[in-house]
Amino acid sequence: MYIKQSRGFRALSVVCLAGWMLLIPPLFCANRTCPPPDFPDGGRYEPLKAEYEVGEAVSYFCNRFRPMMIRRDMHDGDKTVICKSNGDWSEETPFCETWDKVKNPVTSSKELESTIQDGNRWSCFETRNDTEEILQFSLDPEALVYAVMLCWLKSKKMVTVASPIFVKTIPAYSDGCVKLYHPKDAPDVKIGNITVQISSNTTGPLQLCEVRVFTKSDKWCGHPPKNYVLNGQLAVNRSKAVLLCNEGFREKEGRRIYATCKNNKWSYLSLECVEGKPRKNEFLGCNPPDFPERGQYEPKKAKYEVGQTIIYLCLYDRFITTDDMISLNEGIVSACELNGKWSEVVPFCGKAEVKITVFDVSVYTFPVESVNDNITRCSAMPFQKTDKTDFVIVEVIPNSGSIILCELQFYSMDDKWCKRSPKTVPNGQLEVSRRKAVLHCNEGFREKDGREVYATCENQTWSYLSLQCVEDTPQEDTNISAIVVGLVIVIVFLILFGLTVFLIRTKKIRGICALHEHRNRNNNISLPISGGCNTTELPQIETTTI
């Protein structure tokens, strides 16, 4: 994305040349920098630099709660790799895993729950209080399962996960996620279902939030491909690797797919990054994103390359919120992905509605985060219940010492409150709140009919208006056109006026009308005219009036 030199290249230093003269080049000529590493499709790394010194580290992240896997280890957070003296990185590029859709579980309580499959860790399925609960997930068609991940809120329950390949029991004594892997010595066998059994040996329900199943096929490779392309990086997933030429370079023939996985092995294409600017249709990246009302994002650019990030922030002491989280102290990071979309939904900047009374039947625990030596803030968690409530109970249970409760903030919703931001508009950006979305067309474009409100929230669903951004004619061109049209009208008027005058002055005589007047010779008194007017046809001759 950023480097302009060849992969692993470093100019020879004076010390290195001296080493060659002494016939001991390896000691003095070790590569002291690493190029930017490849990165996972659906993820990113930080910091972004043109090159990295030996010992420098980068941290990989996966977007939108996707688990990261390096070899057989699945990570729920970030993963750090180190630049080595030979110009390579200490670990191979990780994968940001995607899970397979499975049929909604059929529970022993005869309920069908979708909250376990919605990708939201804070929307949970509450099991029965003091009886055993069994959930069965179906795979259609059958598939090779290499990992299963379960997320829950802490309880005193025991959870058993079973399939034809493995059976394992885990205590759910703390919040978090548990990963189970296909045993190394077990054969690859396609399975059709996975069962989750929750014990009945203790009272109290279990909040089961996510069950994710990861499968593989013939187009699934266990390790990332090798990068043999100078001046280029790879964005990799299990089935393909896409080449991204560095700044100032483009793929020689405009191709993108560098490697594909077939029969669990990589098949390579001969791609090459050469100097030049990518053509318009060759650019892989994202347009500027939509943004929250009373908020902003940084940095602002006309185009963003794959892997680049922005951070959303709220103004005026408002809290930034999404459908599944409230961020009190930090912004929300969103990354540009290979598909040209941003990894995170556009957040909202919320304002608290403080109605302090008390709580209903659900119980939630909020961990406390330190802001400085004197002040702390609570990490907020969205409530799962959607019913209206008249009161909220807040109970503070300090682990040690005393706690001073300074402020409680509550966020309410009504029929004009939408959970997620609306769909975006080509060649424009949306300024979004929970209730409406206002369209701002990009530079060089305008809304076709001059309207602004693109969507309104009704019954917690977006209602869209047919707005579109069309190319705008520059104002200078409009003024010039108006002047030209005006001049043409004036010239035509002058020409017509001149022709009219010319025709009047050059008119033709068609006859003579003679009027006779009788006069009295004595007193010169005029008498009434007698007789009519006789016209005599004359030859056509041109005359000039006096």
Protein backbone atom coordinates (compact mmCIF):
# COMPACT_ATOMS: atom_id res chain seq x y z
CA MET A 1 0.00 0.00 0.00
CA TYR A 2 2.75 2.46 0.83
CA ILE A 3 6.22 1.15 -0.02
CA LYS A 4 7.85 2.19 -3.32
CA GLN A 5 10.87 -0.09 -3.25
CA SER A 6 11.24 -3.74 -4.17
CA ARG A 7 10.27 -6.35 -1.62
CA GLY A 8 13.14 -6.95 0.78
CA PHE A 9 15.50 -4.61 -1.11
CA ARG A 10 18.03 -2.51 0.74
CA ALA A 11 20.91 -0.48 -0.72
CA LEU A 12 24.40 -1.71 0.18
CA SER A 13 26.04 0.39 2.87
CA VAL A 14 29.72 1.24 3.16
CA VAL A 15 30.03 -1.27 6.01
CA CYS A 16 28.39 -3.92 3.84
CA LEU A 17 30.84 -3.26 0.96
CA ALA A 18 33.74 -3.50 3.37
CA GLY A 19 32.34 -6.78 4.60
CA TRP A 20 32.26 -8.14 1.05
CA MET A 21 35.91 -7.13 0.60
CA LEU A 22 36.74 -9.08 3.77
CA LEU A 23 34.74 -12.07 2.43
CA ILE A 24 32.33 -12.01 5.39
CA PRO A 25 29.20 -10.47 3.87
CA PRO A 26 26.57 -12.25 5.99
CA LEU A 27 27.76 -10.51 9.13
CA PHE A 28 27.49 -7.00 7.72
CA CYS A 29 24.91 -7.27 4.94
CA ALA A 30 21.90 -8.67 6.71
CA ASN A 31 18.71 -6.94 5.60
CA ARG A 32 17.83 -4.35 8.24
CA THR A 33 14.27 -3.61 7.09
CA CYS A 34 11.06 -5.47 6.31
CA PRO A 35 8.51 -4.42 3.69
CA PRO A 36 4.88 -3.94 4.73
CA PRO A 37 3.41 -7.39 5.41
CA ASP A 38 0.52 -9.07 3.65
CA PHE A 39 -2.74 -8.82 5.54
CA PRO A 40 -5.95 -10.81 6.03
CA ASP A 41 -9.04 -10.15 3.98
CA GLY A 42 -11.51 -8.75 6.50
CA GLY A 43 -8.74 -7.40 8.71
CA ARG A 44 -5.93 -4.88 8.99
CA TYR A 45 -2.64 -4.18 10.73
CA GLU A 46 -1.10 -1.22 12.57
CA PRO A 47 1.03 0.84 12.34
CA LEU A 48 1.17 1.52 8.59
CA LYS A 49 4.68 2.38 7.42
CA ALA A 50 6.75 2.27 4.21
CA GLU A 51 9.28 -0.05 5.86
CA TYR A 52 10.02 -1.52 9.27
CA GLU A 53 13.30 -1.81 11.14
CA VAL A 54 14.43 -5.12 12.58
CA GLY A 55 12.64 -5.71 15.87
CA GLU A 56 9.69 -3.49 15.01
CA ALA A 57 6.26 -5.01 15.45
CA VAL A 58 2.90 -4.76 13.75
CA SER A 59 -0.39 -5.87 15.24
CA TYR A 60 -3.07 -7.64 13.20
CA PHE A 61 -6.76 -7.05 13.87
CA CYS A 62 -9.90 -8.65 12.46
CA ASN A 63 -12.94 -6.54 11.70
CA ARG A 64 -16.41 -6.89 13.19
CA PHE A 65 -15.72 -9.58 15.83
CA ARG A 66 -14.29 -12.06 13.31
CA PRO A 67 -11.89 -14.47 15.03
CA MET A 68 -8.28 -14.56 13.87
CA MET A 69 -6.43 -17.81 13.25
CA ILE A 70 -2.69 -18.41 12.87
CA ARG A 71 -1.95 -22.06 12.20
CA ARG A 72 -4.30 -23.85 14.65
CA ASP A 73 -4.61 -21.07 17.22
CA MET A 74 -7.72 -18.89 17.14
CA HIS A 75 -7.30 -15.42 18.63
CA ASP A 76 -10.16 -13.24 19.83
CA GLY A 77 -8.09 -10.04 19.88
CA ASP A 78 -4.98 -8.82 18.09
CA LYS A 79 -1.84 -10.70 17.06
CA THR A 80 1.68 -9.21 17.01
CA VAL A 81 4.44 -10.17 14.55
CA ILE A 82 8.07 -8.98 14.54
CA CYS A 83 10.38 -7.89 11.70
CA LYS A 84 13.37 -10.26 11.52
CA SER A 85 16.90 -9.49 10.32
CA ASN A 86 16.42 -11.48 7.10
CA GLY A 87 13.59 -9.18 5.97
CA ASP A 88 10.82 -11.64 6.82
CA TRP A 89 8.16 -11.46 9.51
CA SER A 90 8.17 -13.75 12.53
CA GLU A 91 4.72 -15.23 11.77
CA GLU A 92 2.79 -15.98 8.61
CA THR A 93 -0.16 -13.80 7.66
CA PRO A 94 -3.19 -14.76 9.78
CA PHE A 95 -6.69 -15.42 8.49
CA CYS A 96 -9.78 -13.55 9.62
CA GLU A 97 -12.20 -16.43 9.72
CA THR A 98 -15.77 -16.42 8.47
CA TRP A 99 -18.28 -18.83 9.95
CA ASP A 100 -20.92 -20.84 8.15
CA LYS A 101 -24.61 -20.27 8.42
CA VAL A 102 -26.32 -23.09 10.24
CA LYS A 103 -30.00 -23.62 10.75
CA ASN A 104 -31.51 -21.99 13.80
CA PRO A 105 -31.21 -24.35 16.74
CA VAL A 106 -34.12 -26.51 17.71
CA THR A 107 -34.21 -26.26 21.49
CA SER A 108 -35.59 -28.76 23.93
CA SER A 109 -38.02 -26.06 25.07
CA LYS A 110 -39.47 -26.13 21.53
CA GLU A 111 -38.39 -22.56 20.83
CA LEU A 112 -36.63 -21.31 17.72
CA GLU A 113 -34.01 -18.73 18.60
CA SER A 114 -32.26 -16.51 16.05
CA THR A 115 -30.29 -14.42 18.55
CA ILE A 116 -27.54 -17.05 18.68
CA GLN A 117 -26.93 -16.65 14.95
CA ASP A 118 -27.23 -12.87 14.49
CA GLY A 119 -23.52 -12.04 14.88
CA ASN A 120 -24.22 -9.82 17.89
CA ARG A 121 -22.52 -10.91 21.09
CA TRP A 122 -24.85 -8.87 23.25
CA SER A 123 -28.07 -10.44 21.99
CA CYS A 124 -28.38 -13.69 23.91
CA PHE A 125 -30.69 -16.67 24.24
CA GLU A 126 -31.74 -17.28 27.84
CA THR A 127 -31.96 -20.96 28.71
CA ARG A 128 -34.44 -22.36 31.18
CA ASN A 129 -33.75 -21.78 34.84
CA ASP A 130 -33.33 -25.13 36.56
CA THR A 131 -33.75 -27.76 33.85
CA GLU A 132 -31.46 -29.18 31.23
CA GLU A 133 -31.48 -27.41 27.86
CA ILE A 134 -30.38 -29.01 24.58
CA LEU A 135 -29.79 -27.08 21.35
CA GLN A 136 -29.13 -28.85 18.06
CA PHE A 137 -27.57 -26.99 15.10
CA SER A 138 -27.89 -28.44 11.60
CA LEU A 139 -25.42 -28.15 8.71
CA ASP A 140 -26.97 -28.37 5.26
CA PRO A 141 -25.21 -29.83 3.40
CA GLU A 142 -22.88 -31.79 5.65
CA ALA A 143 -19.41 -30.27 6.01
CA LEU A 144 -15.95 -30.74 7.48
CA VAL A 145 -15.95 -28.80 10.77
CA TYR A 146 -12.54 -27.59 11.95
CA ALA A 147 -13.62 -25.30 14.82
CA VAL A 148 -16.62 -24.30 16.95
CA MET A 149 -16.86 -21.11 19.01
CA LEU A 150 -19.39 -20.41 21.79
CA CYS A 151 -19.91 -17.07 23.58
CA TRP A 152 -21.91 -16.58 26.77
CA LEU A 153 -22.41 -14.45 29.87
CA LYS A 154 -21.14 -16.00 33.08
CA SER A 155 -23.26 -18.38 35.10
CA LYS A 156 -22.82 -21.51 37.21
CA LYS A 157 -23.77 -23.83 34.38
CA MET A 158 -21.71 -26.50 32.61
CA VAL A 159 -21.87 -26.63 28.80
CA THR A 160 -21.21 -29.78 26.74
CA VAL A 161 -20.54 -29.52 23.00
CA ALA A 162 -20.85 -32.78 21.06
CA SER A 163 -20.46 -33.90 17.45
CA PRO A 164 -19.59 -37.21 15.76
CA ILE A 165 -15.92 -36.10 16.01
CA PHE A 166 -15.54 -34.69 19.54
CA VAL A 167 -17.26 -34.21 22.89
CA LYS A 168 -16.13 -31.59 25.40
CA THR A 169 -17.58 -30.11 28.61
CA ILE A 170 -16.67 -26.58 29.69
CA PRO A 171 -17.70 -24.49 32.74
CA ALA A 172 -19.40 -21.18 31.93
CA TYR A 173 -18.08 -19.43 35.01
CA SER A 174 -17.01 -16.18 33.30
CA ASP A 175 -18.02 -13.99 30.38
CA GLY A 176 -16.28 -14.75 27.13
CA CYS A 177 -15.87 -17.11 24.21
CA VAL A 178 -14.61 -20.68 24.07
CA LYS A 179 -13.06 -22.28 20.97
CA LEU A 180 -13.07 -25.99 20.24
CA TYR A 181 -10.92 -27.45 17.47
CA HIS A 182 -11.02 -30.56 15.36
CA PRO A 183 -8.63 -33.04 17.05
CA LYS A 184 -5.31 -33.39 15.20
CA ASP A 185 -5.47 -37.18 15.18
CA ALA A 186 -9.15 -37.38 14.20
CA PRO A 187 -10.09 -38.18 10.58
CA ASP A 188 -11.72 -35.58 8.34
CA VAL A 189 -15.37 -36.59 8.41
CA LYS A 190 -18.32 -34.53 7.22
CA ILE A 191 -20.94 -34.01 9.90
CA GLY A 192 -24.54 -32.84 9.74
CA ASN A 193 -25.20 -31.46 13.22
CA ILE A 194 -23.68 -30.19 16.46
CA THR A 195 -25.37 -30.43 19.86
CA VAL A 196 -24.97 -27.99 22.75
CA GLN A 197 -26.17 -29.34 26.10
CA ILE A 198 -26.55 -27.04 29.13
CA SER A 199 -26.57 -28.69 32.53
CA SER A 200 -29.35 -28.60 35.11
CA ASN A 201 -27.23 -29.13 38.22
CA THR A 202 -27.48 -25.48 39.33
CA THR A 203 -30.23 -22.89 39.47
CA GLY A 204 -30.27 -19.84 37.26
CA PRO A 205 -30.33 -19.53 33.46
CA LEU A 206 -27.42 -19.28 31.03
CA GLN A 207 -27.24 -16.39 28.55
CA LEU A 208 -25.93 -18.11 25.39
CA CYS A 209 -25.01 -15.35 22.94
CA GLU A 210 -23.23 -16.90 19.95
CA VAL A 211 -22.56 -20.33 18.46
CA ARG A 212 -20.33 -20.22 15.39
CA VAL A 213 -19.32 -23.17 13.26
CA PHE A 214 -16.26 -23.04 10.96
CA THR A 215 -16.02 -25.49 8.06
CA LYS A 216 -13.60 -26.22 5.23
CA SER A 217 -13.82 -27.59 1.69
CA ASP A 218 -11.54 -28.30 -1.29
CA LYS A 219 -11.15 -24.55 -1.74
CA TRP A 220 -9.80 -24.10 1.79
CA CYS A 221 -6.04 -23.73 2.36
CA GLY A 222 -4.46 -24.08 5.77
CA HIS A 223 -1.63 -21.57 5.21
CA PRO A 224 -1.43 -18.27 3.30
CA PRO A 225 0.30 -18.24 -0.13
CA LYS A 226 3.86 -17.05 -0.67
CA ASN A 227 4.23 -13.54 -2.03
CA TYR A 228 6.67 -13.47 -4.96
CA VAL A 229 5.55 -10.09 -6.34
CA LEU A 230 7.84 -7.09 -5.95
CA ASN A 231 6.18 -3.83 -4.89
CA GLY A 232 2.94 -5.53 -3.97
CA GLN A 233 0.98 -6.82 -0.99
CA LEU A 234 -1.54 -9.63 -0.73
CA ALA A 235 -4.96 -9.58 0.91
CA VAL A 236 -5.55 -13.24 1.77
CA ASN A 237 -8.38 -15.49 2.82
CA ARG A 238 -8.79 -19.28 2.78
CA SER A 239 -9.72 -19.49 -0.91
CA LYS A 240 -7.88 -16.70 -2.73
CA ALA A 241 -5.24 -13.97 -2.53
CA VAL A 242 -5.75 -10.57 -4.15
CA LEU A 243 -2.74 -8.48 -5.24
CA LEU A 244 -2.59 -4.83 -4.22
CA CYS A 245 0.27 -2.99 -5.91
CA ASN A 246 2.01 -0.36 -3.80
CA GLU A 247 1.56 3.36 -4.29
CA GLY A 248 2.98 4.43 -7.66
CA PHE A 249 2.57 0.95 -9.16
CA ARG A 250 -0.13 -0.97 -11.03
CA GLU A 251 -0.56 -4.58 -12.12
CA LYS A 252 0.89 -4.88 -15.62
CA GLU A 253 -2.30 -6.23 -17.22
CA GLY A 254 -4.85 -4.94 -14.72
CA ARG A 255 -5.38 -8.33 -13.06
CA ARG A 256 -6.12 -8.85 -9.35
CA ILE A 257 -6.33 -12.54 -8.40
CA TYR A 258 -2.80 -13.72 -7.56
CA ALA A 259 -3.54 -17.17 -6.14
CA THR A 260 -6.52 -19.50 -5.74
CA CYS A 261 -6.92 -22.53 -3.50
CA LYS A 262 -7.68 -25.81 -5.32
CA ASN A 263 -7.67 -29.21 -3.64
CA ASN A 264 -6.33 -27.49 -0.50
CA LYS A 265 -3.24 -26.19 -2.37
CA TRP A 266 -2.41 -22.79 -3.79
CA SER A 267 -2.39 -22.29 -7.54
CA TYR A 268 -0.44 -19.18 -8.59
CA LEU A 269 -0.82 -16.75 -11.49
CA SER A 270 2.08 -14.73 -12.91
CA LEU A 271 1.26 -11.18 -11.85
CA GLU A 272 3.61 -8.22 -11.89
CA CYS A 273 3.53 -4.71 -10.39
CA VAL A 274 5.03 -2.09 -12.72
CA GLU A 275 5.42 1.65 -12.30
CA GLY A 276 2.32 3.59 -13.24
CA LYS A 277 -0.98 4.90 -11.98
CA PRO A 278 -3.87 2.41 -11.80
CA ARG A 279 -6.69 2.93 -14.24
CA LYS A 280 -10.00 4.05 -12.80
CA ASN A 281 -11.57 0.59 -12.98
CA GLU A 282 -8.47 -1.01 -11.43
CA PHE A 283 -8.59 0.89 -8.13
CA LEU A 284 -9.48 -1.27 -5.16
CA GLY A 285 -10.70 0.79 -2.27
CA CYS A 286 -13.57 2.64 -0.62
CA ASN A 287 -15.37 5.91 -1.12
CA PRO A 288 -15.76 8.32 1.81
CA PRO A 289 -18.21 6.80 4.32
CA ASP A 290 -21.48 8.10 5.71
CA PHE A 291 -21.17 9.85 9.06
CA PRO A 292 -23.25 10.46 12.22
CA GLU A 293 -25.22 13.61 12.89
CA ARG A 294 -23.25 15.69 15.42
CA GLY A 295 -20.21 13.56 14.71
CA GLN A 296 -17.30 13.18 12.31
CA TYR A 297 -14.62 10.80 11.07
CA GLU A 298 -10.87 11.16 10.58
CA PRO A 299 -8.89 11.26 8.35
CA LYS A 300 -10.88 12.67 5.42
CA LYS A 301 -9.80 11.62 1.93
CA ALA A 302 -11.29 11.41 -1.58
CA LYS A 303 -10.45 7.67 -1.75
CA TYR A 304 -9.27 5.07 0.76
CA GLU A 305 -7.08 2.08 -0.04
CA VAL A 306 -7.90 -1.41 1.19
CA GLY A 307 -6.73 -1.80 4.78
CA GLN A 308 -6.79 1.91 5.59
CA THR A 309 -8.85 2.94 8.60
CA ILE A 310 -10.91 5.84 9.86
CA ILE A 311 -12.13 6.60 13.36
CA TYR A 312 -15.63 7.89 14.15
CA LEU A 313 -15.94 10.48 16.92
CA CYS A 314 -18.88 12.33 18.46
CA LEU A 315 -19.03 16.04 19.24
CA TYR A 316 -20.65 17.95 22.10
CA ASP A 317 -20.05 15.22 24.74
CA ARG A 318 -22.34 12.75 23.01
CA PHE A 319 -21.75 9.01 23.23
CA ILE A 320 -21.07 7.05 20.07
CA THR A 321 -23.38 4.05 19.69
CA THR A 322 -23.99 1.20 17.26
CA ASP A 323 -26.58 -1.56 17.23
CA ASP A 324 -24.61 -3.62 19.74
CA MET A 325 -22.34 -1.32 21.75
CA ILE A 326 -21.94 2.08 23.39
CA SER A 327 -18.42 3.52 23.39
CA LEU A 328 -17.92 5.95 26.25
CA ASN A 329 -14.26 6.85 26.09
CA GLU A 330 -13.09 6.03 22.57
CA GLY A 331 -14.19 6.28 18.97
CA ILE A 332 -15.08 3.41 16.65
CA VAL A 333 -12.51 2.26 14.07
CA SER A 334 -13.71 1.17 10.63
CA ALA A 335 -11.50 -0.36 7.92
CA CYS A 336 -11.78 -0.36 4.13
CA GLU A 337 -12.24 -3.94 2.89
CA LEU A 338 -11.64 -5.70 -0.43
CA ASN A 339 -15.31 -5.54 -1.42
CA GLY A 340 -15.18 -1.73 -1.39
CA LYS A 341 -17.24 -1.50 1.81
CA TRP A 342 -16.40 -0.33 5.31
CA SER A 343 -16.06 -2.95 8.02
CA GLU A 344 -18.33 -1.22 10.55
CA VAL A 345 -21.84 0.12 10.26
CA VAL A 346 -22.13 3.89 10.56
CA PRO A 347 -22.53 4.67 14.29
CA PHE A 348 -24.87 7.18 15.90
CA CYS A 349 -24.06 10.01 18.27
CA GLY A 350 -26.54 9.59 21.10
CA LYS A 351 -27.78 11.87 23.80
CA ALA A 352 -28.76 10.43 27.14
CA GLU A 353 -32.27 10.77 28.46
CA VAL A 354 -31.82 10.71 32.22
CA LYS A 355 -34.85 9.22 33.95
CA ILE A 356 -33.43 7.85 37.16
CA THR A 357 -35.79 5.56 38.95
CA VAL A 358 -34.96 1.86 38.80
CA PHE A 359 -34.59 -1.46 36.81
CA ASP A 360 -36.83 -4.34 35.72
CA VAL A 361 -36.27 -8.09 35.97
CA SER A 362 -33.00 -8.50 34.01
CA VAL A 363 -29.63 -8.23 35.74
CA TYR A 364 -26.49 -6.85 34.05
CA THR A 365 -23.01 -6.28 35.40
CA PHE A 366 -20.95 -3.34 34.16
CA PRO A 367 -17.14 -3.42 34.45
CA VAL A 368 -15.61 -0.12 35.55
CA GLU A 369 -12.86 1.55 33.50
CA SER A 370 -10.41 4.06 34.99
CA VAL A 371 -10.27 7.49 33.29
CA ASN A 372 -7.81 9.10 35.71
CA ASP A 373 -6.87 8.84 39.37
CA ASN A 374 -10.12 10.41 40.54
CA ILE A 375 -12.76 9.56 37.94
CA THR A 376 -14.03 6.29 36.53
CA ARG A 377 -16.61 5.48 33.89
CA CYS A 378 -18.72 2.42 33.35
CA SER A 379 -18.72 0.44 30.12
CA ALA A 380 -22.31 0.37 28.94
CA MET A 381 -24.15 -2.70 27.68
CA PRO A 382 -27.38 -2.61 25.67
CA PHE A 383 -30.32 -4.27 27.40
CA GLN A 384 -31.78 -7.28 25.66
CA LYS A 385 -35.42 -6.72 26.58
CA THR A 386 -37.50 -4.64 24.18
CA ASP A 387 -40.53 -4.23 26.46
CA LYS A 388 -41.32 -0.87 27.98
CA THR A 389 -40.38 -0.43 31.62
CA ASP A 390 -41.37 2.11 34.25
CA PHE A 391 -38.39 1.76 36.53
CA VAL A 392 -34.76 0.62 36.72
CA ILE A 393 -32.87 -0.68 39.75
CA VAL A 394 -29.16 0.14 39.99
CA GLU A 395 -27.15 -1.74 42.60
CA VAL A 396 -23.49 -0.91 43.19
CA ILE A 397 -21.45 -3.75 44.70
CA PRO A 398 -17.83 -2.63 45.26
CA ASN A 399 -15.14 -5.30 45.35
CA SER A 400 -13.10 -3.21 47.77
CA GLY A 401 -13.29 0.27 49.24
CA SER A 402 -16.10 2.71 48.49
CA ILE A 403 -17.67 3.89 45.24
CA ILE A 404 -19.13 7.34 44.63
CA LEU A 405 -21.91 7.14 42.05
CA CYS A 406 -21.83 10.42 40.16
CA GLU A 407 -24.11 9.99 37.17
CA LEU A 408 -26.51 7.57 35.54
CA GLN A 409 -27.44 7.92 31.89
CA PHE A 410 -30.22 6.04 30.09
CA TYR A 411 -31.00 5.85 26.39
CA SER A 412 -34.59 5.21 25.39
CA MET A 413 -36.16 4.33 22.05
CA ASP A 414 -39.57 4.72 20.42
CA ASP A 415 -41.22 3.94 17.08
CA LYS A 416 -39.03 6.54 15.35
CA TRP A 417 -35.80 4.92 16.55
CA CYS A 418 -33.91 2.72 14.06
CA LYS A 419 -31.30 0.19 15.10
CA ARG A 420 -28.91 0.49 12.13
CA SER A 421 -28.04 3.24 9.67
CA PRO A 422 -29.82 3.17 6.28
CA LYS A 423 -28.34 2.04 2.98
CA THR A 424 -26.01 4.53 1.34
CA VAL A 425 -26.41 6.49 -1.93
CA PRO A 426 -23.96 6.40 -4.89
CA ASN A 427 -21.92 9.62 -5.29
CA GLY A 428 -23.13 10.92 -1.94
CA GLN A 429 -22.78 10.68 1.83
CA LEU A 430 -25.49 10.35 4.45
CA GLU A 431 -25.59 12.26 7.71
CA VAL A 432 -27.46 9.84 9.95
CA SER A 433 -29.28 9.87 13.25
CA ARG A 434 -31.67 7.33 14.75
CA ARG A 435 -34.63 9.15 13.17
CA LYS A 436 -33.54 10.41 9.75
CA ALA A 437 -30.79 10.48 7.14
CA VAL A 438 -29.84 13.63 5.21
CA LEU A 439 -28.13 13.30 1.81
CA HIS A 440 -24.99 15.30 0.96
CA CYS A 441 -23.93 14.80 -2.67
CA ASN A 442 -20.20 14.62 -3.43
CA GLU A 443 -18.32 17.46 -5.09
CA GLY A 444 -19.41 17.76 -8.72
CA PHE A 445 -22.82 16.23 -7.99
CA ARG A 446 -26.20 17.54 -6.83
CA GLU A 447 -29.47 16.00 -5.75
CA LYS A 448 -31.63 15.69 -8.84
CA ASP A 449 -34.65 17.54 -7.40
CA GLY A 450 -32.87 19.61 -4.75
CA ARG A 451 -34.17 17.52 -1.83
CA GLU A 452 -32.18 16.56 1.29
CA VAL A 453 -34.03 14.10 3.54
CA TYR A 454 -33.30 10.63 2.13
CA ALA A 455 -34.83 8.36 4.78
CA THR A 456 -36.98 8.61 7.89
CA CYS A 457 -37.48 6.04 10.64
CA GLU A 458 -41.05 4.79 11.00
CA ASN A 459 -42.01 1.88 13.25
CA GLN A 460 -38.29 1.24 13.77
CA THR A 461 -37.83 0.65 10.01
CA TRP A 462 -36.30 3.01 7.45
CA SER A 463 -38.69 4.54 4.93
CA TYR A 464 -36.77 5.68 1.85
CA LEU A 465 -37.36 8.54 -0.58
CA SER A 466 -36.18 8.28 -4.18
CA LEU A 467 -33.20 10.62 -4.05
CA GLN A 468 -30.16 10.43 -6.30
CA CYS A 469 -26.98 12.41 -6.88
CA VAL A 470 -26.47 13.43 -10.52
CA GLU A 471 -23.57 15.24 -12.16
CA ASP A 472 -23.75 18.98 -11.65
CA THR A 473 -22.96 21.52 -14.42
CA PRO A 474 -20.26 23.93 -13.20
CA GLN A 475 -21.56 27.45 -12.46
CA GLU A 476 -19.07 29.11 -14.84
CA ASP A 477 -20.30 27.05 -17.76
CA THR A 478 -23.89 27.98 -16.88
CA ASN A 479 -23.04 31.70 -16.85
CA ILE A 480 -21.18 31.49 -20.15
CA SER A 481 -24.10 29.64 -21.72
CA ALA A 482 -26.51 32.34 -20.51
CA ILE A 483 -24.31 35.10 -21.96
CA VAL A 484 -24.01 33.34 -25.32
CA VAL A 485 -27.78 32.80 -25.53
CA GLY A 486 -28.37 36.48 -24.70
CA LEU A 487 -25.94 37.65 -27.38
CA VAL A 488 -27.57 35.40 -29.97
CA ILE A 489 -31.01 36.82 -29.13
CA VAL A 490 -29.70 40.43 -29.44
CA ILE A 491 -27.98 39.69 -32.76
CA VAL A 492 -31.10 38.04 -34.19
CA PHE A 493 -33.20 41.01 -33.08
CA LEU A 494 -30.82 43.50 -34.74
CA ILE A 495 -30.78 41.49 -37.96
CA LEU A 496 -34.59 41.33 -38.08
CA PHE A 497 -34.87 45.05 -37.31
CA GLY A 498 -32.39 45.94 -40.05
CA LEU A 499 -34.19 43.79 -42.59
CA THR A 500 -37.50 45.43 -41.69
CA VAL A 501 -36.09 48.94 -42.21
CA PHE A 502 -34.45 47.90 -45.46
CA LEU A 503 -37.69 46.46 -46.83
CA ILE A 504 -39.64 49.59 -45.90
CA ARG A 505 -37.14 51.87 -47.64
CA THR A 506 -37.06 49.75 -50.78
CA LYS A 507 -40.81 49.12 -51.22
CA LYS A 508 -42.28 49.00 -54.82
CA ILE A 509 -45.04 51.29 -56.31
CA ARG A 510 -47.96 49.36 -57.68
CA GLY A 511 -50.21 52.35 -58.76
CA ILE A 512 -51.11 56.03 -58.37
CA CYS A 513 -54.08 57.36 -56.57
CA ALA A 514 -55.03 60.87 -57.83
CA LEU A 515 -57.27 63.11 -55.74
CA HIS A 516 -58.94 66.07 -57.49
CA GLU A 517 -59.61 69.30 -55.64
CA HIS A 518 -61.88 72.01 -57.08
CA ARG A 519 -60.85 75.58 -56.23
CA ASN A 520 -62.59 78.84 -56.81
CA ARG A 521 -60.22 81.04 -58.70
CA ASN A 522 -61.65 84.16 -57.20
CA ASN A 523 -61.62 83.56 -53.53
CA ASN A 524 -59.28 80.54 -53.29
CA ILE A 525 -61.77 78.69 -51.15
CA SER A 526 -61.41 74.93 -51.34
CA LEU A 527 -64.46 72.98 -52.24
CA PRO A 528 -65.24 69.44 -51.25
CA ILE A 529 -63.44 66.86 -53.16
CA SER A 530 -65.48 65.25 -55.81
CA GLY A 531 -65.07 61.99 -57.48
CA GLY A 532 -63.25 58.88 -56.28
CA CYS A 533 -59.69 57.70 -56.19
CA ASN A 534 -58.60 56.03 -59.41
CA THR A 535 -55.50 53.96 -59.48
CA THR A 536 -53.59 53.40 -62.64
CA GLU A 537 -51.32 50.40 -62.90
CA LEU A 538 -47.76 51.46 -63.67
CA PRO A 539 -44.69 49.55 -64.74
CA GLN A 540 -42.72 48.25 -61.79
CA ILE A 541 -40.13 50.88 -61.01
CA GLU A 542 -38.39 51.56 -57.76
CA THR A 543 -38.88 54.96 -56.17
CA THR A 544 -37.43 56.68 -53.19
CA THR A 545 -39.69 58.51 -50.78
CA ILE A 546 -38.88 62.08 -49.89
